[in-house]
Amino acid sequence: MPPSRSLPVAVLSRDTQNRPMGPSIAAAVAAGKLLAFVPADFGYTNDNAGSKAQDGLAKLVPGTTHVVVKDSDYNIQLEAPQAVTDAVHQVLNRAAHSRQ
């Protein structure tokens, strides 16, 4: 079931521009941190697919706030807790105003 159209939503995304996974894959394979069969373009494909998925998620509900958190990676809550706190406050404020 799709989310309610009146539900306030915020989507926070990792910063694939400043912290891309793409360039790190070849080095990780060479260092033995990833298995040799991992495709060299895996990181770039992952970055692209992740960005498109987050954009799609944000478009599910009109008025959704979509923030790419600068210099963040997958653990936004640890790397940029203020961005998460701000997004939660924004959602709560929008919910409170929609009930009035």
PDB file of N, CA and C in Angstrom:
ATOM      1  N   MET A   1       0.846  -1.175   0.000  1.00  0.00           N
ATOM      2  CA  MET A   1       0.000   0.000   0.000  1.00  0.00           C
ATOM      3  C   MET A   1       0.891   1.239   0.000  1.00  0.00           C
ATOM      4  N   PRO A   2       0.635   2.221  -0.885  1.00  0.00           N
ATOM      5  CA  PRO A   2       1.453   3.440  -0.907  1.00  0.00           C
ATOM      6  C   PRO A   2       1.213   4.277   0.349  1.00  0.00           C
ATOM      7  N   PRO A   3       2.193   5.086   0.729  1.00  0.00           N
ATOM      8  CA  PRO A   3       2.021   5.922   1.920  1.00  0.00           C
ATOM      9  C   PRO A   3       0.938   6.970   1.708  1.00  0.00           C
ATOM     10  N   SER A   4       0.388   7.431   2.804  1.00  0.00           N
ATOM     11  CA  SER A   4      -0.639   8.462   2.769  1.00  0.00           C
ATOM     12  C   SER A   4      -0.101   9.718   2.098  1.00  0.00           C
ATOM     13  N   ARG A   5      -0.902  10.336   1.258  1.00  0.00           N
ATOM     14  CA  ARG A   5      -0.493  11.562   0.564  1.00  0.00           C
ATOM     15  C   ARG A   5      -0.352  12.741   1.523  1.00  0.00           C
ATOM     16  N   SER A   6      -0.946  12.657   2.714  1.00  0.00           N
ATOM     17  CA  SER A   6      -0.857  13.763   3.656  1.00  0.00           C
ATOM     18  C   SER A   6       0.221  13.544   4.717  1.00  0.00           C
ATOM     19  N   LEU A   7       0.889  12.427   4.652  1.00  0.00           N
ATOM     20  CA  LEU A   7       1.914  12.095   5.618  1.00  0.00           C
ATOM     21  C   LEU A   7       3.169  12.931   5.371  1.00  0.00           C
ATOM     22  N   PRO A   8       3.631  13.691   6.372  1.00  0.00           N
ATOM     23  CA  PRO A   8       4.879  14.429   6.159  1.00  0.00           C
ATOM     24  C   PRO A   8       6.051  13.455   6.133  1.00  0.00           C
ATOM     25  N   VAL A   9       6.904  13.607   5.134  1.00  0.00           N
ATOM     26  CA  VAL A   9       8.007  12.670   4.935  1.00  0.00           C
ATOM     27  C   VAL A   9       9.293  13.446   4.672  1.00  0.00           C
ATOM     28  N   ALA A  10      10.395  12.914   5.195  1.00  0.00           N
ATOM     29  CA  ALA A  10      11.723  13.433   4.875  1.00  0.00           C
ATOM     30  C   ALA A  10      12.599  12.258   4.469  1.00  0.00           C
ATOM     31  N   VAL A  11      13.352  12.438   3.414  1.00  0.00           N
ATOM     32  CA  VAL A  11      14.299  11.426   2.945  1.00  0.00           C
ATOM     33  C   VAL A  11      15.693  12.036   3.046  1.00  0.00           C
ATOM     34  N   LEU A  12      16.577  11.353   3.744  1.00  0.00           N
ATOM     35  CA  LEU A  12      17.965  11.791   3.843  1.00  0.00           C
ATOM     36  C   LEU A  12      18.817  10.819   3.031  1.00  0.00           C
ATOM     37  N   SER A  13      19.681  11.361   2.196  1.00  0.00           N
ATOM     38  CA  SER A  13      20.510  10.534   1.323  1.00  0.00           C
ATOM     39  C   SER A  13      21.983  10.797   1.570  1.00  0.00           C
ATOM     40  N   ARG A  14      22.769   9.749   1.335  1.00  0.00           N
ATOM     41  CA  ARG A  14      24.219   9.892   1.428  1.00  0.00           C
ATOM     42  C   ARG A  14      24.729  10.756   0.275  1.00  0.00           C
ATOM     43  N   ASP A  15      25.885  11.320   0.446  1.00  0.00           N
ATOM     44  CA  ASP A  15      26.467  12.235  -0.530  1.00  0.00           C
ATOM     45  C   ASP A  15      27.348  11.465  -1.512  1.00  0.00           C
ATOM     46  N   THR A  16      26.752  11.027  -2.613  1.00  0.00           N
ATOM     47  CA  THR A  16      27.517  10.252  -3.599  1.00  0.00           C
ATOM     48  C   THR A  16      28.426  11.145  -4.440  1.00  0.00           C
ATOM     49  N   GLN A  17      28.225  12.453  -4.396  1.00  0.00           N
ATOM     50  CA  GLN A  17      29.113  13.373  -5.119  1.00  0.00           C
ATOM     51  C   GLN A  17      30.460  13.484  -4.419  1.00  0.00           C
ATOM     52  N   ASN A  18      30.434  13.737  -3.118  1.00  0.00           N
ATOM     53  CA  ASN A  18      31.659  13.955  -2.350  1.00  0.00           C
ATOM     54  C   ASN A  18      32.213  12.689  -1.701  1.00  0.00           C
ATOM     55  N   ARG A  19      31.369  11.661  -1.558  1.00  0.00           N
ATOM     56  CA  ARG A  19      31.817  10.403  -0.945  1.00  0.00           C
ATOM     57  C   ARG A  19      31.348   9.218  -1.768  1.00  0.00           C
ATOM     58  N   PRO A  20      31.759   9.165  -3.049  1.00  0.00           N
ATOM     59  CA  PRO A  20      31.312   8.069  -3.898  1.00  0.00           C
ATOM     60  C   PRO A  20      31.971   6.744  -3.528  1.00  0.00           C
ATOM     61  N   MET A  21      31.247   5.684  -3.758  1.00  0.00           N
ATOM     62  CA  MET A  21      31.793   4.351  -3.554  1.00  0.00           C
ATOM     63  C   MET A  21      32.627   3.941  -4.772  1.00  0.00           C
ATOM     64  N   GLY A  22      32.265   4.419  -5.924  1.00  0.00           N
ATOM     65  CA  GLY A  22      32.877   4.005  -7.179  1.00  0.00           C
ATOM     66  C   GLY A  22      34.382   3.860  -7.177  1.00  0.00           C
ATOM     67  N   PRO A  23      35.125   4.906  -6.852  1.00  0.00           N
ATOM     68  CA  PRO A  23      36.577   4.827  -6.945  1.00  0.00           C
ATOM     69  C   PRO A  23      37.232   3.838  -5.965  1.00  0.00           C
ATOM     70  N   SER A  24      36.546   3.467  -4.920  1.00  0.00           N
ATOM     71  CA  SER A  24      37.171   2.625  -3.890  1.00  0.00           C
ATOM     72  C   SER A  24      37.135   1.130  -4.207  1.00  0.00           C
ATOM     73  N   ILE A  25      36.319   0.707  -5.144  1.00  0.00           N
ATOM     74  CA  ILE A  25      36.118  -0.722  -5.382  1.00  0.00           C
ATOM     75  C   ILE A  25      37.379  -1.403  -5.922  1.00  0.00           C
ATOM     76  N   ALA A  26      38.005  -0.848  -6.938  1.00  0.00           N
ATOM     77  CA  ALA A  26      39.202  -1.472  -7.513  1.00  0.00           C
ATOM     78  C   ALA A  26      40.291  -1.630  -6.455  1.00  0.00           C
ATOM     79  N   ALA A  27      40.488  -0.622  -5.631  1.00  0.00           N
ATOM     80  CA  ALA A  27      41.500  -0.696  -4.573  1.00  0.00           C
ATOM     81  C   ALA A  27      41.136  -1.754  -3.532  1.00  0.00           C
ATOM     82  N   ALA A  28      39.847  -1.865  -3.215  1.00  0.00           N
ATOM     83  CA  ALA A  28      39.414  -2.868  -2.237  1.00  0.00           C
ATOM     84  C   ALA A  28      39.610  -4.285  -2.778  1.00  0.00           C
ATOM     85  N   VAL A  29      39.364  -4.484  -4.059  1.00  0.00           N
ATOM     86  CA  VAL A  29      39.596  -5.796  -4.678  1.00  0.00           C
ATOM     87  C   VAL A  29      41.096  -6.103  -4.664  1.00  0.00           C
ATOM     88  N   ALA A  30      41.904  -5.122  -5.050  1.00  0.00           N
ATOM     89  CA  ALA A  30      43.358  -5.315  -5.086  1.00  0.00           C
ATOM     90  C   ALA A  30      43.925  -5.626  -3.701  1.00  0.00           C
ATOM     91  N   ALA A  31      43.337  -5.029  -2.666  1.00  0.00           N
ATOM     92  CA  ALA A  31      43.811  -5.244  -1.296  1.00  0.00           C
ATOM     93  C   ALA A  31      43.239  -6.513  -0.671  1.00  0.00           C
ATOM     94  N   GLY A  32      42.367  -7.209  -1.405  1.00  0.00           N
ATOM     95  CA  GLY A  32      41.770  -8.434  -0.880  1.00  0.00           C
ATOM     96  C   GLY A  32      40.614  -8.191   0.075  1.00  0.00           C
ATOM     97  N   LYS A  33      40.145  -6.954   0.165  1.00  0.00           N
ATOM     98  CA  LYS A  33      39.002  -6.636   1.038  1.00  0.00           C
ATOM     99  C   LYS A  33      37.680  -7.034   0.392  1.00  0.00           C
ATOM    100  N   LEU A  34      37.682  -7.140  -0.927  1.00  0.00           N
ATOM    101  CA  LEU A  34      36.531  -7.627  -1.684  1.00  0.00           C
ATOM    102  C   LEU A  34      37.000  -8.778  -2.566  1.00  0.00           C
ATOM    103  N   LEU A  35      36.105  -9.682  -2.862  1.00  0.00           N
ATOM    104  CA  LEU A  35      36.442 -10.822  -3.710  1.00  0.00           C
ATOM    105  C   LEU A  35      36.772 -10.366  -5.131  1.00  0.00           C
ATOM    106  N   ALA A  36      37.639 -11.089  -5.778  1.00  0.00           N
ATOM    107  CA  ALA A  36      38.145 -10.710  -7.100  1.00  0.00           C
ATOM    108  C   ALA A  36      37.050 -10.628  -8.162  1.00  0.00           C
ATOM    109  N   PHE A  37      35.946 -11.353  -7.974  1.00  0.00           N
ATOM    110  CA  PHE A  37      34.893 -11.320  -8.999  1.00  0.00           C
ATOM    111  C   PHE A  37      33.986 -10.097  -8.914  1.00  0.00           C
ATOM    112  N   VAL A  38      34.198  -9.221  -7.935  1.00  0.00           N
ATOM    113  CA  VAL A  38      33.384  -8.007  -7.837  1.00  0.00           C
ATOM    114  C   VAL A  38      33.730  -7.122  -9.037  1.00  0.00           C
ATOM    115  N   PRO A  39      32.719  -6.752  -9.837  1.00  0.00           N
ATOM    116  CA  PRO A  39      32.993  -5.946 -11.038  1.00  0.00           C
ATOM    117  C   PRO A  39      33.602  -4.590 -10.682  1.00  0.00           C
ATOM    118  N   ALA A  40      34.501  -4.124 -11.497  1.00  0.00           N
ATOM    119  CA  ALA A  40      35.175  -2.848 -11.251  1.00  0.00           C
ATOM    120  C   ALA A  40      34.193  -1.679 -11.199  1.00  0.00           C
ATOM    121  N   ASP A  41      33.080  -1.788 -11.929  1.00  0.00           N
ATOM    122  CA  ASP A  41      32.107  -0.689 -11.938  1.00  0.00           C
ATOM    123  C   ASP A  41      31.023  -0.843 -10.866  1.00  0.00           C
ATOM    124  N   PHE A  42      31.183  -1.803  -9.979  1.00  0.00           N
ATOM    125  CA  PHE A  42      30.161  -2.051  -8.953  1.00  0.00           C
ATOM    126  C   PHE A  42      29.855  -0.801  -8.128  1.00  0.00           C
ATOM    127  N   GLY A  43      30.866  -0.102  -7.666  1.00  0.00           N
ATOM    128  CA  GLY A  43      30.648   1.085  -6.839  1.00  0.00           C
ATOM    129  C   GLY A  43      29.915   2.182  -7.574  1.00  0.00           C
ATOM    130  N   TYR A  44      30.286   2.386  -8.844  1.00  0.00           N
ATOM    131  CA  TYR A  44      29.615   3.416  -9.644  1.00  0.00           C
ATOM    132  C   TYR A  44      28.154   3.043  -9.890  1.00  0.00           C
ATOM    133  N   THR A  45      27.922   1.761 -10.155  1.00  0.00           N
ATOM    134  CA  THR A  45      26.561   1.278 -10.364  1.00  0.00           C
ATOM    135  C   THR A  45      25.749   1.435  -9.088  1.00  0.00           C
ATOM    136  N   ASN A  46      26.361   1.108  -7.953  1.00  0.00           N
ATOM    137  CA  ASN A  46      25.692   1.239  -6.662  1.00  0.00           C
ATOM    138  C   ASN A  46      25.368   2.696  -6.355  1.00  0.00           C
ATOM    139  N   ASP A  47      26.324   3.594  -6.588  1.00  0.00           N
ATOM    140  CA  ASP A  47      26.087   5.023  -6.353  1.00  0.00           C
ATOM    141  C   ASP A  47      24.913   5.524  -7.192  1.00  0.00           C
ATOM    142  N   ASN A  48      24.909   5.166  -8.471  1.00  0.00           N
ATOM    143  CA  ASN A  48      23.865   5.619  -9.386  1.00  0.00           C
ATOM    144  C   ASN A  48      22.496   5.051  -8.996  1.00  0.00           C
ATOM    145  N   ALA A  49      22.461   3.755  -8.727  1.00  0.00           N
ATOM    146  CA  ALA A  49      21.190   3.117  -8.360  1.00  0.00           C
ATOM    147  C   ALA A  49      20.665   3.663  -7.034  1.00  0.00           C
ATOM    148  N   GLY A  50      21.553   3.868  -6.085  1.00  0.00           N
ATOM    149  CA  GLY A  50      21.133   4.401  -4.784  1.00  0.00           C
ATOM    150  C   GLY A  50      20.542   5.792  -4.904  1.00  0.00           C
ATOM    151  N   SER A  51      21.189   6.638  -5.702  1.00  0.00           N
ATOM    152  CA  SER A  51      20.680   8.002  -5.894  1.00  0.00           C
ATOM    153  C   SER A  51      19.307   7.991  -6.556  1.00  0.00           C
ATOM    154  N   LYS A  52      19.150   7.150  -7.583  1.00  0.00           N
ATOM    155  CA  LYS A  52      17.853   7.059  -8.266  1.00  0.00           C
ATOM    156  C   LYS A  52      16.774   6.512  -7.328  1.00  0.00           C
ATOM    157  N   ALA A  53      17.123   5.538  -6.514  1.00  0.00           N
ATOM    158  CA  ALA A  53      16.150   4.960  -5.580  1.00  0.00           C
ATOM    159  C   ALA A  53      15.708   5.985  -4.548  1.00  0.00           C
ATOM    160  N   GLN A  54      16.640   6.761  -4.031  1.00  0.00           N
ATOM    161  CA  GLN A  54      16.283   7.789  -3.042  1.00  0.00           C
ATOM    162  C   GLN A  54      15.406   8.869  -3.675  1.00  0.00           C
ATOM    163  N   ASP A  55      15.736   9.262  -4.909  1.00  0.00           N
ATOM    164  CA  ASP A  55      14.892  10.238  -5.616  1.00  0.00           C
ATOM    165  C   ASP A  55      13.482   9.684  -5.803  1.00  0.00           C
ATOM    166  N   GLY A  56      13.392   8.411  -6.189  1.00  0.00           N
ATOM    167  CA  GLY A  56      12.084   7.780  -6.366  1.00  0.00           C
ATOM    168  C   GLY A  56      11.306   7.700  -5.070  1.00  0.00           C
ATOM    169  N   LEU A  57      11.991   7.372  -3.991  1.00  0.00           N
ATOM    170  CA  LEU A  57      11.349   7.315  -2.679  1.00  0.00           C
ATOM    171  C   LEU A  57      10.791   8.682  -2.299  1.00  0.00           C
ATOM    172  N   ALA A  58      11.559   9.712  -2.525  1.00  0.00           N
ATOM    173  CA  ALA A  58      11.113  11.060  -2.185  1.00  0.00           C
ATOM    174  C   ALA A  58       9.910  11.502  -3.019  1.00  0.00           C
ATOM    175  N   LYS A  59       9.781  10.963  -4.223  1.00  0.00           N
ATOM    176  CA  LYS A  59       8.676  11.360  -5.114  1.00  0.00           C
ATOM    177  C   LYS A  59       7.373  10.602  -4.823  1.00  0.00           C
ATOM    178  N   LEU A  60       7.429   9.613  -3.939  1.00  0.00           N
ATOM    179  CA  LEU A  60       6.213   8.853  -3.635  1.00  0.00           C
ATOM    180  C   LEU A  60       5.141   9.701  -2.959  1.00  0.00           C
ATOM    181  N   VAL A  61       5.559  10.663  -2.164  1.00  0.00           N
ATOM    182  CA  VAL A  61       4.616  11.512  -1.438  1.00  0.00           C
ATOM    183  C   VAL A  61       4.912  12.963  -1.808  1.00  0.00           C
ATOM    184  N   PRO A  62       3.940  13.668  -2.393  1.00  0.00           N
ATOM    185  CA  PRO A  62       4.160  15.073  -2.733  1.00  0.00           C
ATOM    186  C   PRO A  62       4.548  15.886  -1.498  1.00  0.00           C
ATOM    187  N   GLY A  63       5.461  16.805  -1.692  1.00  0.00           N
ATOM    188  CA  GLY A  63       5.892  17.666  -0.592  1.00  0.00           C
ATOM    189  C   GLY A  63       6.981  17.064   0.284  1.00  0.00           C
ATOM    190  N   THR A  64       7.452  15.888  -0.102  1.00  0.00           N
ATOM    191  CA  THR A  64       8.513  15.256   0.679  1.00  0.00           C
ATOM    192  C   THR A  64       9.780  16.093   0.602  1.00  0.00           C
ATOM    193  N   THR A  65      10.430  16.243   1.739  1.00  0.00           N
ATOM    194  CA  THR A  65      11.718  16.911   1.798  1.00  0.00           C
ATOM    195  C   THR A  65      12.793  15.875   1.495  1.00  0.00           C
ATOM    196  N   HIS A  66      13.653  16.146   0.503  1.00  0.00           N
ATOM    197  CA  HIS A  66      14.755  15.239   0.172  1.00  0.00           C
ATOM    198  C   HIS A  66      16.058  16.009   0.356  1.00  0.00           C
ATOM    199  N   VAL A  67      16.866  15.551   1.300  1.00  0.00           N
ATOM    200  CA  VAL A  67      18.118  16.216   1.622  1.00  0.00           C
ATOM    201  C   VAL A  67      19.280  15.260   1.362  1.00  0.00           C
ATOM    202  N   VAL A  68      20.213  15.691   0.537  1.00  0.00           N
ATOM    203  CA  VAL A  68      21.471  14.969   0.401  1.00  0.00           C
ATOM    204  C   VAL A  68      22.393  15.572   1.460  1.00  0.00           C
ATOM    205  N   VAL A  69      22.756  14.759   2.428  1.00  0.00           N
ATOM    206  CA  VAL A  69      23.534  15.255   3.562  1.00  0.00           C
ATOM    207  C   VAL A  69      25.006  15.316   3.162  1.00  0.00           C
ATOM    208  N   LYS A  70      25.508  16.532   3.073  1.00  0.00           N
ATOM    209  CA  LYS A  70      26.872  16.776   2.580  1.00  0.00           C
ATOM    210  C   LYS A  70      27.907  15.972   3.357  1.00  0.00           C
ATOM    211  N   ASP A  71      28.805  15.353   2.588  1.00  0.00           N
ATOM    212  CA  ASP A  71      29.927  14.566   3.124  1.00  0.00           C
ATOM    213  C   ASP A  71      29.499  13.398   4.003  1.00  0.00           C
ATOM    214  N   SER A  72      28.289  12.879   3.775  1.00  0.00           N
ATOM    215  CA  SER A  72      27.831  11.731   4.564  1.00  0.00           C
ATOM    216  C   SER A  72      27.935  10.462   3.729  1.00  0.00           C
ATOM    217  N   ASP A  73      27.982   9.356   4.447  1.00  0.00           N
ATOM    218  CA  ASP A  73      28.008   8.058   3.808  1.00  0.00           C
ATOM    219  C   ASP A  73      26.768   7.312   4.279  1.00  0.00           C
ATOM    220  N   TYR A  74      26.843   6.007   4.431  1.00  0.00           N
ATOM    221  CA  TYR A  74      25.671   5.203   4.776  1.00  0.00           C
ATOM    222  C   TYR A  74      25.172   5.414   6.203  1.00  0.00           C
ATOM    223  N   ASN A  75      26.010   5.855   7.101  1.00  0.00           N
ATOM    224  CA  ASN A  75      25.613   6.015   8.502  1.00  0.00           C
ATOM    225  C   ASN A  75      25.350   7.478   8.829  1.00  0.00           C
ATOM    226  N   ILE A  76      24.380   8.055   8.141  1.00  0.00           N
ATOM    227  CA  ILE A  76      24.070   9.470   8.327  1.00  0.00           C
ATOM    228  C   ILE A  76      23.779   9.779   9.785  1.00  0.00           C
ATOM    229  N   GLN A  77      23.078   8.885  10.476  1.00  0.00           N
ATOM    230  CA  GLN A  77      22.722   9.124  11.857  1.00  0.00           C
ATOM    231  C   GLN A  77      23.953   9.254  12.755  1.00  0.00           C
ATOM    232  N   LEU A  78      25.059   8.640  12.375  1.00  0.00           N
ATOM    233  CA  LEU A  78      26.299   8.731  13.148  1.00  0.00           C
ATOM    234  C   LEU A  78      27.186   9.880  12.662  1.00  0.00           C
ATOM    235  N   GLU A  79      27.202  10.099  11.364  1.00  0.00           N
ATOM    236  CA  GLU A  79      28.081  11.103  10.770  1.00  0.00           C
ATOM    237  C   GLU A  79      27.504  12.514  10.803  1.00  0.00           C
ATOM    238  N   ALA A  80      26.194  12.612  10.774  1.00  0.00           N
ATOM    239  CA  ALA A  80      25.531  13.929  10.740  1.00  0.00           C
ATOM    240  C   ALA A  80      24.252  13.884  11.568  1.00  0.00           C
ATOM    241  N   PRO A  81      24.380  13.632  12.873  1.00  0.00           N
ATOM    242  CA  PRO A  81      23.172  13.498  13.695  1.00  0.00           C
ATOM    243  C   PRO A  81      22.286  14.747  13.695  1.00  0.00           C
ATOM    244  N   GLN A  82      22.883  15.920  13.524  1.00  0.00           N
ATOM    245  CA  GLN A  82      22.073  17.135  13.506  1.00  0.00           C
ATOM    246  C   GLN A  82      21.146  17.165  12.296  1.00  0.00           C
ATOM    247  N   ALA A  83      21.601  16.644  11.161  1.00  0.00           N
ATOM    248  CA  ALA A  83      20.752  16.588   9.970  1.00  0.00           C
ATOM    249  C   ALA A  83      19.549  15.687  10.227  1.00  0.00           C
ATOM    250  N   VAL A  84      19.759  14.590  10.934  1.00  0.00           N
ATOM    251  CA  VAL A  84      18.665  13.678  11.259  1.00  0.00           C
ATOM    252  C   VAL A  84      17.703  14.352  12.235  1.00  0.00           C
ATOM    253  N   THR A  85      18.254  14.985  13.252  1.00  0.00           N
ATOM    254  CA  THR A  85      17.419  15.697  14.233  1.00  0.00           C
ATOM    255  C   THR A  85      16.594  16.779  13.550  1.00  0.00           C
ATOM    256  N   ASP A  86      17.229  17.545  12.672  1.00  0.00           N
ATOM    257  CA  ASP A  86      16.512  18.609  11.956  1.00  0.00           C
ATOM    258  C   ASP A  86      15.381  18.038  11.104  1.00  0.00           C
ATOM    259  N   ALA A  87      15.628  16.914  10.439  1.00  0.00           N
ATOM    260  CA  ALA A  87      14.598  16.291   9.600  1.00  0.00           C
ATOM    261  C   ALA A  87      13.433  15.790  10.457  1.00  0.00           C
ATOM    262  N   VAL A  88      13.725  15.203  11.596  1.00  0.00           N
ATOM    263  CA  VAL A  88      12.665  14.735  12.498  1.00  0.00           C
ATOM    264  C   VAL A  88      11.833  15.916  12.981  1.00  0.00           C
ATOM    265  N   HIS A  89      12.488  17.003  13.374  1.00  0.00           N
ATOM    266  CA  HIS A  89      11.750  18.194  13.824  1.00  0.00           C
ATOM    267  C   HIS A  89      10.883  18.749  12.702  1.00  0.00           C
ATOM    268  N   GLN A  90      11.416  18.765  11.498  1.00  0.00           N
ATOM    269  CA  GLN A  90      10.648  19.276  10.360  1.00  0.00           C
ATOM    270  C   GLN A  90       9.398  18.423  10.124  1.00  0.00           C
ATOM    271  N   VAL A  91       9.546  17.113  10.177  1.00  0.00           N
ATOM    272  CA  VAL A  91       8.404  16.216   9.977  1.00  0.00           C
ATOM    273  C   VAL A  91       7.378  16.422  11.086  1.00  0.00           C
ATOM    274  N   LEU A  92       7.835  16.512  12.322  1.00  0.00           N
ATOM    275  CA  LEU A  92       6.905  16.718  13.443  1.00  0.00           C
ATOM    276  C   LEU A  92       6.179  18.059  13.329  1.00  0.00           C
ATOM    277  N   ASN A  93       6.900  19.103  12.937  1.00  0.00           N
ATOM    278  CA  ASN A  93       6.269  20.412  12.754  1.00  0.00           C
ATOM    279  C   ASN A  93       5.232  20.388  11.635  1.00  0.00           C
ATOM    280  N   ARG A  94       5.570  19.724  10.544  1.00  0.00           N
ATOM    281  CA  ARG A  94       4.617  19.637   9.431  1.00  0.00           C
ATOM    282  C   ARG A  94       3.388  18.825   9.848  1.00  0.00           C
ATOM    283  N   ALA A  95       3.593  17.791  10.630  1.00  0.00           N
ATOM    284  CA  ALA A  95       2.459  16.977  11.105  1.00  0.00           C
ATOM    285  C   ALA A  95       1.565  17.801  12.027  1.00  0.00           C
ATOM    286  N   ALA A  96       2.183  18.576  12.922  1.00  0.00           N
ATOM    287  CA  ALA A  96       1.412  19.400  13.844  1.00  0.00           C
ATOM    288  C   ALA A  96       0.605  20.456  13.097  1.00  0.00           C
ATOM    289  N   HIS A  97       1.200  21.072  12.085  1.00  0.00           N
ATOM    290  CA  HIS A  97       0.497  22.112  11.331  1.00  0.00           C
ATOM    291  C   HIS A  97      -0.602  21.529  10.444  1.00  0.00           C
ATOM    292  N   SER A  98      -0.449  20.298  10.019  1.00  0.00           N
ATOM    293  CA  SER A  98      -1.478  19.717   9.167  1.00  0.00           C
ATOM    294  C   SER A  98      -2.710  19.310   9.967  1.00  0.00           C
ATOM    295  N   ARG A  99      -2.562  19.188  11.280  1.00  0.00           N
ATOM    296  CA  ARG A  99      -3.693  18.798  12.146  1.00  0.00           C
ATOM    297  C   ARG A  99      -4.516  20.010  12.559  1.00  0.00           C
ATOM    298  N   GLN A 100      -3.966  21.210  12.334  1.00  0.00           N
ATOM    299  CA  GLN A 100      -4.676  22.430  12.789  1.00  0.00           C
ATOM    300  C   GLN A 100      -5.762  22.825  11.824  1.00  0.00           C
TER     301      GLN A 100
END
